[in-house]
Amino acid sequence: MKSKSKEAIVIIGGGPAAMMLACTLDPILFDVTIVEKGKAIGRKFLVAGKGGFNLTHSEDIDKMIEKYEGPKSLLDSLSSFTNNDFRHWLSSIGIETYIGSSKRVFPVKGIKPIAVLRAIKKEIERKGITLLKETLWYGSFIENSSIQLLHKEKKISLKADKVIFALGGGSWKITGSDGCWLPHFKKNNVATLPFRPSNCAMCINWPENMKVHFGKPIKNIALTYNDTYIKGEMIVTKHGIEGSPAYALSYYVGNELESKKSITVFVDLKPSLSLEKVNSILSKSYKKISKLLRDELSLSSTAVALIKSATTREEFNDVKLLTHCIKKLPLSIIGLEKIDNAISTVGGIKSTAMDKHFELINFPNHYTIGEMINWNAPTGGYLLQGCFSMGYTLGKYLNKEHQI
């Protein structure tokens, strides 16, 4: 059988999904060009390293997949390129990892985020991939086997048999992930959704007594919304609450805030103790309530202030009502943090706009991967894993398809 000639693939974007795709494509089959509008690829990848570099999570892959909301193509990609597969791949390029006490996966001690990025870049270079920086996509699609771009404000034409869009979501504009591409797709009848923040702080109108507590944490709490219950640490801020439990709930709260002015979430200030145990501790002491909360329940001054903000004086001094407040303190959420400050976003390309291989239904030979697709996952390595899995799975599919 006569072998196919090399195809030209243009990857637009330089984030995790794009880099993994580039590393996976077979250079014998494809001439690959990465188009990056900034001066360097991987800028948002480095941002992920600022708060502790969680590359992925170590839990069983079936359990891990349950944490994702998104198209079947994403979920299938996670099964095809698992967290363990990702760790093995990282090892193959010289990045060893370990599982932390939180079950999150990190580079071994001494390996900084920039070193991981350099190892990935080295693999891209080894593949002979062309990197075209300071080059902007301004809404063109393949026409006559080429695509039009702006390189340092000058129009250029690149040969393109296939184009993979990996343009990112709508947060952290400083990294190049600004979501400005969305109107171009909408104009061309590709089904999209507006971006909104996810994995972000939630906004609250605090009463006056909480002002002195801005910036302070309340440790060992649990946040609940409907059936979702998340333990962790909550930080009181000028605008509301931050921390892992707040980030995890923000997606679900955001869904409801689309049609409601406010949403109530509940804080359990002593998740390690039952309602009955808290009631027993409060009932058996003759200390003042505030001292009792501090000494017997180990609640911080910020936690006590939060209780006072949610109760009247009479309720605060009523053991039964106080117990219920400690175990189920209501917080009225009036909004989410500004999109640019969010860790991730939801919205973008709808699942109905593409097939199971991420190919746009209305535009054959055009694919979309990464955060530009409408999907959600929690922090702690899940977001990066999703992007790397999509990039790897699409790369393997294109390699196989070319050989058929």
Protein backbone atom coordinates (compact mmCIF):
# COMPACT_ATOMS: atom_id res chain seq x y z
CA MET A 1 0.00 0.00 0.00
CA LYS A 2 1.27 3.43 -0.90
CA SER A 3 2.11 5.46 2.21
CA LYS A 4 0.49 8.82 2.78
CA SER A 5 2.58 11.95 2.38
CA LYS A 6 3.42 14.05 5.42
CA GLU A 7 0.61 16.30 6.60
CA ALA A 8 1.03 19.79 8.03
CA ILE A 9 -0.50 20.25 11.47
CA VAL A 10 -0.79 23.68 13.06
CA ILE A 11 -1.39 23.79 16.82
CA ILE A 12 -2.68 27.19 17.91
CA GLY A 13 -1.86 27.78 21.56
CA GLY A 14 1.02 26.85 23.83
CA GLY A 15 -0.53 25.51 27.02
CA PRO A 16 -0.45 22.01 28.56
CA ALA A 17 -2.89 20.43 26.07
CA ALA A 18 -1.00 21.89 23.10
CA MET A 19 2.41 20.86 24.41
CA MET A 20 1.30 17.30 25.14
CA LEU A 21 -0.26 17.01 21.69
CA ALA A 22 2.97 18.21 20.09
CA CYS A 23 4.98 15.67 22.09
CA THR A 24 2.66 12.85 21.02
CA LEU A 25 2.34 13.49 17.27
CA ASP A 26 4.63 11.33 15.15
CA PRO A 27 7.21 13.52 13.36
CA ILE A 28 7.52 10.89 10.62
CA LEU A 29 3.86 11.44 9.75
CA PHE A 30 3.45 15.16 10.40
CA ASP A 31 5.17 18.50 10.06
CA VAL A 32 4.02 20.24 13.23
CA THR A 33 4.02 23.96 14.03
CA ILE A 34 3.02 25.42 17.39
CA VAL A 35 1.66 28.95 17.09
CA GLU A 36 2.00 31.01 20.29
CA LYS A 37 0.84 34.61 20.54
CA GLY A 38 3.21 35.40 23.40
CA LYS A 39 6.99 35.25 23.66
CA ALA A 40 7.05 31.81 25.30
CA ILE A 41 4.91 28.71 25.57
CA GLY A 42 3.72 27.26 28.88
CA ARG A 43 3.10 30.49 30.77
CA LYS A 44 -0.14 29.30 32.38
CA PHE A 45 1.54 25.98 33.14
CA LEU A 46 4.01 27.91 35.29
CA VAL A 47 1.15 29.74 37.04
CA ALA A 48 -0.10 26.33 38.19
CA GLY A 49 3.19 25.91 40.02
CA LYS A 50 2.85 29.00 42.19
CA GLY A 51 0.49 27.48 44.73
CA GLY A 52 2.16 24.07 44.96
CA PHE A 53 2.83 22.21 41.74
CA ASN A 54 0.13 19.50 41.66
CA LEU A 55 0.83 17.73 38.36
CA THR A 56 -1.95 15.20 38.84
CA HIS A 57 -3.70 13.19 41.56
CA SER A 58 -2.91 9.64 42.65
CA GLU A 59 -6.41 8.30 43.31
CA ASP A 60 -7.82 5.37 41.35
CA ILE A 61 -8.59 6.55 37.82
CA ASP A 62 -12.26 5.50 37.96
CA LYS A 63 -12.74 7.59 41.12
CA MET A 64 -10.75 10.40 39.56
CA ILE A 65 -12.94 10.53 36.46
CA GLU A 66 -16.01 10.98 38.69
CA LYS A 67 -14.63 14.40 39.67
CA TYR A 68 -14.93 15.72 36.09
CA GLU A 69 -17.90 17.42 34.44
CA GLY A 70 -17.57 17.53 30.66
CA PRO A 71 -18.00 15.80 27.31
CA LYS A 72 -17.53 12.06 26.88
CA SER A 73 -14.46 12.76 24.76
CA LEU A 74 -12.75 14.24 27.84
CA LEU A 75 -13.73 11.33 30.08
CA ASP A 76 -12.56 8.82 27.47
CA SER A 77 -9.24 10.63 27.17
CA LEU A 78 -8.71 10.29 30.92
CA SER A 79 -9.21 6.53 30.60
CA SER A 80 -6.83 6.41 27.62
CA PHE A 81 -4.08 8.45 29.29
CA THR A 82 -4.41 8.02 33.03
CA ASN A 83 -2.69 9.71 35.95
CA ASN A 84 -0.25 6.77 36.13
CA ASP A 85 0.42 7.03 32.40
CA PHE A 86 1.17 10.71 32.87
CA ARG A 87 3.64 9.97 35.68
CA HIS A 88 5.40 7.37 33.51
CA TRP A 89 5.60 9.84 30.65
CA LEU A 90 7.06 12.51 32.92
CA SER A 91 9.64 9.99 34.11
CA SER A 92 10.56 9.24 30.49
CA ILE A 93 11.51 12.90 29.97
CA GLY A 94 13.49 13.06 33.20
CA ILE A 95 10.88 14.32 35.67
CA GLU A 96 10.39 11.99 38.63
CA THR A 97 7.34 12.47 40.84
CA TYR A 98 6.11 11.49 44.28
CA ILE A 99 2.74 11.25 46.02
CA GLY A 100 2.28 13.76 48.83
CA SER A 101 0.27 13.31 52.03
CA SER A 102 -2.73 14.84 50.25
CA LYS A 103 -2.44 12.11 47.56
CA ARG A 104 -1.56 14.81 45.07
CA VAL A 105 1.38 14.18 42.75
CA PHE A 106 4.36 16.56 42.75
CA PRO A 107 7.78 16.69 41.09
CA VAL A 108 10.40 15.27 43.49
CA LYS A 109 12.08 17.69 45.85
CA GLY A 110 14.35 20.14 44.11
CA ILE A 111 12.54 20.07 40.75
CA LYS A 112 10.88 23.44 40.21
CA PRO A 113 8.02 24.16 37.76
CA ILE A 114 10.40 25.80 35.29
CA ALA A 115 12.46 22.58 35.18
CA VAL A 116 9.35 20.57 34.27
CA LEU A 117 8.51 23.05 31.52
CA ARG A 118 12.07 22.91 30.20
CA ALA A 119 11.91 19.12 30.02
CA ILE A 120 8.67 19.31 28.00
CA LYS A 121 10.17 21.96 25.71
CA LYS A 122 13.22 19.76 25.19
CA GLU A 123 10.94 16.92 24.10
CA ILE A 124 9.18 19.27 21.68
CA GLU A 125 12.56 20.31 20.25
CA ARG A 126 13.63 16.66 19.98
CA LYS A 127 10.56 16.03 17.82
CA GLY A 128 11.70 18.74 15.41
CA ILE A 129 8.60 20.83 15.93
CA THR A 130 8.54 24.42 14.71
CA LEU A 131 7.63 27.04 17.31
CA LEU A 132 6.24 30.28 15.92
CA LYS A 133 6.03 32.88 18.70
CA GLU A 134 4.39 36.32 18.77
CA THR A 135 1.88 35.03 16.25
CA LEU A 136 -1.83 35.71 16.59
CA TRP A 137 -4.80 33.74 15.32
CA TYR A 138 -7.47 36.24 14.34
CA GLY A 139 -10.39 34.04 13.31
CA SER A 140 -9.31 32.20 10.17
CA PHE A 141 -9.96 28.57 9.33
CA ILE A 142 -8.25 26.31 6.78
CA GLU A 143 -8.70 27.50 3.23
CA ASN A 144 -6.79 26.05 0.26
CA SER A 145 -4.69 23.95 2.66
CA SER A 146 -3.43 26.98 4.58
CA ILE A 147 -4.39 29.20 7.50
CA GLN A 148 -3.93 32.95 7.86
CA LEU A 149 -2.21 34.38 10.94
CA LEU A 150 -0.61 37.59 12.18
CA HIS A 151 3.11 37.33 12.94
CA LYS A 152 4.35 40.49 14.65
CA GLU A 153 1.38 42.33 13.09
CA LYS A 154 2.17 41.09 9.57
CA LYS A 155 -0.18 38.69 7.80
CA ILE A 156 1.34 35.30 7.05
CA SER A 157 0.02 32.07 5.57
CA LEU A 158 0.92 28.66 7.01
CA LYS A 159 0.40 25.34 5.25
CA ALA A 160 -2.21 23.45 7.24
CA ASP A 161 -3.91 20.14 6.53
CA LYS A 162 -5.21 20.05 10.09
CA VAL A 163 -5.54 22.75 12.75
CA ILE A 164 -5.81 22.07 16.47
CA PHE A 165 -7.08 24.95 18.56
CA ALA A 166 -5.76 24.96 22.14
CA LEU A 167 -6.47 28.61 22.92
CA GLY A 168 -7.23 28.28 26.63
CA GLY A 169 -10.06 29.50 28.81
CA GLY A 170 -10.98 32.95 30.05
CA SER A 171 -8.87 33.49 33.19
CA TRP A 172 -5.31 34.67 33.86
CA LYS A 173 -5.16 37.01 30.87
CA ILE A 174 -1.54 37.86 31.68
CA THR A 175 -0.59 34.35 30.51
CA GLY A 176 -2.37 34.82 27.17
CA SER A 177 -5.49 32.90 28.19
CA ASP A 178 -8.02 35.67 27.58
CA GLY A 179 -10.94 33.97 25.81
CA CYS A 180 -10.90 36.54 23.00
CA TRP A 181 -11.20 33.73 20.48
CA LEU A 182 -14.78 32.86 21.47
CA PRO A 183 -16.62 35.43 19.26
CA HIS A 184 -14.78 34.12 16.17
CA PHE A 185 -16.21 30.64 16.72
CA LYS A 186 -19.66 31.94 17.57
CA LYS A 187 -19.66 34.02 14.36
CA ASN A 188 -18.90 30.85 12.40
CA ASN A 189 -21.85 28.97 13.94
CA VAL A 190 -19.78 26.84 16.30
CA ALA A 191 -21.89 26.25 19.42
CA THR A 192 -20.38 28.08 22.41
CA LEU A 193 -21.21 29.17 25.94
CA PRO A 194 -20.06 32.40 27.64
CA PHE A 195 -17.15 31.95 30.02
CA ARG A 196 -17.68 32.17 33.76
CA PRO A 197 -15.31 31.61 36.67
CA SER A 198 -14.80 28.25 38.36
CA ASN A 199 -12.46 27.07 41.11
CA CYS A 200 -12.70 30.55 42.55
CA ALA A 201 -13.60 32.56 45.62
CA MET A 202 -17.26 33.15 46.44
CA CYS A 203 -18.63 36.60 47.27
CA ILE A 204 -20.43 37.53 50.51
CA ASN A 205 -21.71 40.84 51.89
CA TRP A 206 -20.07 40.65 55.31
CA PRO A 207 -21.47 42.46 58.35
CA GLU A 208 -19.30 45.05 60.08
CA ASN A 209 -18.00 42.69 62.78
CA MET A 210 -16.19 40.54 60.20
CA LYS A 211 -13.94 43.30 58.83
CA VAL A 212 -11.17 42.76 61.39
CA HIS A 213 -11.00 39.10 60.34
CA PHE A 214 -10.33 39.64 56.63
CA GLY A 215 -7.41 37.50 55.51
CA LYS A 216 -7.74 35.07 58.41
CA PRO A 217 -8.31 31.32 57.98
CA ILE A 218 -10.83 29.08 59.68
CA LYS A 219 -9.24 25.64 59.73
CA ASN A 220 -10.80 22.18 59.80
CA ILE A 221 -14.22 23.12 58.49
CA ALA A 222 -16.55 21.59 55.93
CA LEU A 223 -18.62 23.43 53.34
CA THR A 224 -21.87 21.95 52.06
CA TYR A 225 -24.04 22.77 49.09
CA ASN A 226 -26.86 20.35 48.26
CA ASP A 227 -25.18 16.92 48.33
CA THR A 228 -21.62 18.19 47.94
CA TYR A 229 -19.62 18.17 51.19
CA ILE A 230 -15.99 19.35 51.17
CA LYS A 231 -13.59 19.48 54.12
CA GLY A 232 -10.65 21.85 54.35
CA GLU A 233 -9.70 25.40 55.26
CA MET A 234 -11.74 28.51 54.58
CA ILE A 235 -10.21 31.99 54.39
CA VAL A 236 -12.35 35.04 55.15
CA THR A 237 -11.61 37.85 52.69
CA LYS A 238 -12.89 41.34 51.96
CA HIS A 239 -15.07 39.97 49.19
CA GLY A 240 -16.12 36.61 50.65
CA ILE A 241 -14.45 33.24 51.18
CA GLU A 242 -11.52 31.44 49.58
CA GLY A 243 -9.90 28.04 50.05
CA SER A 244 -10.22 24.55 48.60
CA PRO A 245 -13.79 23.89 49.82
CA ALA A 246 -14.99 27.21 48.36
CA TYR A 247 -13.22 26.53 45.07
CA ALA A 248 -14.75 23.06 44.85
CA LEU A 249 -18.28 24.37 45.41
CA SER A 250 -17.96 27.41 43.14
CA TYR A 251 -18.84 25.45 39.98
CA TYR A 252 -22.15 24.20 41.42
CA VAL A 253 -22.97 27.53 43.05
CA GLY A 254 -22.16 29.29 39.78
CA ASN A 255 -24.65 27.09 37.95
CA GLU A 256 -27.41 28.21 40.33
CA LEU A 257 -26.39 31.87 40.31
CA GLU A 258 -27.14 31.93 36.58
CA SER A 259 -30.82 32.23 37.55
CA LYS A 260 -30.76 33.33 41.21
CA LYS A 261 -29.53 36.41 43.06
CA SER A 262 -28.05 34.46 45.95
CA ILE A 263 -27.35 30.91 47.07
CA THR A 264 -26.97 29.56 50.61
CA VAL A 265 -24.08 27.27 51.47
CA PHE A 266 -23.51 25.84 54.93
CA VAL A 267 -20.39 25.70 57.09
CA ASP A 268 -19.76 22.94 59.60
CA LEU A 269 -17.27 24.48 62.02
CA LYS A 270 -16.64 21.14 63.79
CA PRO A 271 -16.93 18.37 61.19
CA SER A 272 -15.02 15.98 63.50
CA LEU A 273 -17.79 16.15 66.11
CA SER A 274 -21.43 15.09 65.84
CA LEU A 275 -24.30 17.46 66.59
CA GLU A 276 -24.96 15.52 69.79
CA LYS A 277 -21.32 15.75 70.91
CA VAL A 278 -21.19 19.51 70.35
CA ASN A 279 -24.45 19.91 72.25
CA SER A 280 -23.10 17.79 75.11
CA ILE A 281 -19.90 19.86 75.39
CA LEU A 282 -21.84 23.12 75.43
CA SER A 283 -24.43 21.87 77.93
CA LYS A 284 -22.01 20.56 80.54
CA SER A 285 -19.96 23.69 81.07
CA TYR A 286 -20.61 26.81 83.11
CA LYS A 287 -18.06 28.95 81.30
CA LYS A 288 -19.07 31.97 79.28
CA ILE A 289 -20.14 30.96 75.77
CA SER A 290 -17.27 32.73 73.99
CA LYS A 291 -14.71 31.16 76.34
CA LEU A 292 -16.40 27.80 75.97
CA LEU A 293 -16.20 27.95 72.18
CA ARG A 294 -12.52 28.77 72.38
CA ASP A 295 -11.45 26.39 75.16
CA GLU A 296 -13.71 23.37 74.71
CA LEU A 297 -14.31 23.42 70.93
CA SER A 298 -11.01 25.07 69.91
CA LEU A 299 -12.79 27.58 67.70
CA SER A 300 -10.74 30.59 66.60
CA SER A 301 -11.81 34.18 67.18
CA THR A 302 -12.66 34.37 63.47
CA ALA A 303 -14.93 31.31 63.74
CA VAL A 304 -16.63 32.82 66.80
CA ALA A 305 -17.13 36.11 64.95
CA LEU A 306 -18.69 34.16 62.10
CA ILE A 307 -21.13 32.52 64.51
CA LYS A 308 -22.02 35.90 66.02
CA SER A 309 -22.63 37.32 62.54
CA ALA A 310 -25.16 34.55 61.89
CA THR A 311 -27.03 34.69 65.21
CA THR A 312 -28.87 37.11 67.45
CA ARG A 313 -27.66 37.57 71.05
CA GLU A 314 -30.48 35.32 72.25
CA GLU A 315 -29.59 32.59 69.73
CA PHE A 316 -25.91 32.82 70.62
CA ASN A 317 -26.74 32.13 74.28
CA ASP A 318 -29.18 29.32 73.51
CA VAL A 319 -27.21 26.04 73.59
CA LYS A 320 -29.51 24.17 71.22
CA LEU A 321 -29.62 26.95 68.62
CA LEU A 322 -25.89 27.63 68.98
CA THR A 323 -25.13 23.94 68.43
CA HIS A 324 -27.11 23.94 65.20
CA CYS A 325 -25.32 27.08 64.05
CA ILE A 326 -21.89 25.55 64.72
CA LYS A 327 -22.81 22.47 62.68
CA LYS A 328 -24.77 24.20 59.94
CA LEU A 329 -23.95 27.89 59.72
CA PRO A 330 -25.58 29.52 56.66
CA LEU A 331 -23.61 31.78 54.31
CA SER A 332 -25.38 33.76 51.60
CA ILE A 333 -23.32 33.70 48.40
CA ILE A 334 -24.15 36.62 46.10
CA GLY A 335 -21.66 35.97 43.33
CA LEU A 336 -18.33 34.55 42.24
CA GLU A 337 -14.93 36.19 42.02
CA LYS A 338 -13.95 38.11 38.87
CA ILE A 339 -13.20 35.74 36.02
CA ASP A 340 -9.58 36.82 35.57
CA ASN A 341 -8.77 35.85 39.17
CA ALA A 342 -10.36 32.41 38.86
CA ILE A 343 -8.14 29.33 38.74
CA SER A 344 -10.15 28.01 35.81
CA THR A 345 -13.25 28.77 33.77
CA VAL A 346 -16.24 26.92 32.38
CA GLY A 347 -17.89 27.78 29.09
CA GLY A 348 -16.37 27.93 25.64
CA ILE A 349 -16.91 25.26 22.98
CA LYS A 350 -20.02 23.16 23.68
CA SER A 351 -19.77 19.39 23.51
CA THR A 352 -22.41 19.36 20.75
CA ALA A 353 -20.02 21.28 18.48
CA MET A 354 -17.49 18.45 18.24
CA ASP A 355 -17.31 14.69 17.77
CA LYS A 356 -15.76 12.07 20.06
CA HIS A 357 -12.30 12.92 18.74
CA PHE A 358 -12.59 16.68 19.50
CA GLU A 359 -13.14 17.48 15.80
CA LEU A 360 -15.48 20.38 15.07
CA ILE A 361 -18.56 19.02 13.32
CA ASN A 362 -19.01 22.10 11.13
CA PHE A 363 -15.29 22.34 10.32
CA PRO A 364 -13.65 19.03 9.36
CA ASN A 365 -9.90 18.84 10.14
CA HIS A 366 -10.29 21.45 12.89
CA TYR A 367 -10.05 20.25 16.51
CA THR A 368 -10.38 21.88 19.93
CA ILE A 369 -8.73 20.71 23.17
CA GLY A 370 -7.89 22.03 26.62
CA GLU A 371 -9.68 24.66 28.63
CA MET A 372 -11.40 26.20 25.61
CA ILE A 373 -13.87 23.30 25.83
CA ASN A 374 -16.73 23.52 28.33
CA TRP A 375 -15.63 21.27 31.22
CA ASN A 376 -14.84 21.44 34.91
CA ALA A 377 -12.61 19.68 37.42
CA PRO A 378 -11.41 20.51 40.94
CA THR A 379 -7.98 21.81 41.84
CA GLY A 380 -5.29 19.42 43.03
CA GLY A 381 -3.92 18.14 39.72
CA TYR A 382 -7.23 17.38 38.00
CA LEU A 383 -7.14 20.36 35.65
CA LEU A 384 -3.63 19.66 34.37
CA GLN A 385 -4.39 15.95 34.02
CA GLY A 386 -7.45 16.74 31.91
CA CYS A 387 -5.44 18.94 29.55
CA PHE A 388 -2.55 16.49 29.20
CA SER A 389 -4.96 13.58 28.64
CA MET A 390 -6.77 15.43 25.86
CA GLY A 391 -3.52 16.36 24.14
CA TYR A 392 -2.12 12.84 24.33
CA THR A 393 -5.33 11.12 23.22
CA LEU A 394 -5.83 13.40 20.23
CA GLY A 395 -2.19 12.94 19.22
CA LYS A 396 -2.49 9.16 19.31
CA TYR A 397 -5.74 9.29 17.34
CA LEU A 398 -4.24 11.48 14.61
CA ASN A 399 -1.19 9.21 14.35
CA LYS A 400 -3.43 6.17 13.93
CA GLU A 401 -5.85 7.88 11.53
CA HIS A 402 -3.00 8.96 9.25
CA GLN A 403 -1.78 5.38 8.91
CA ILE A 404 -5.17 3.94 7.91
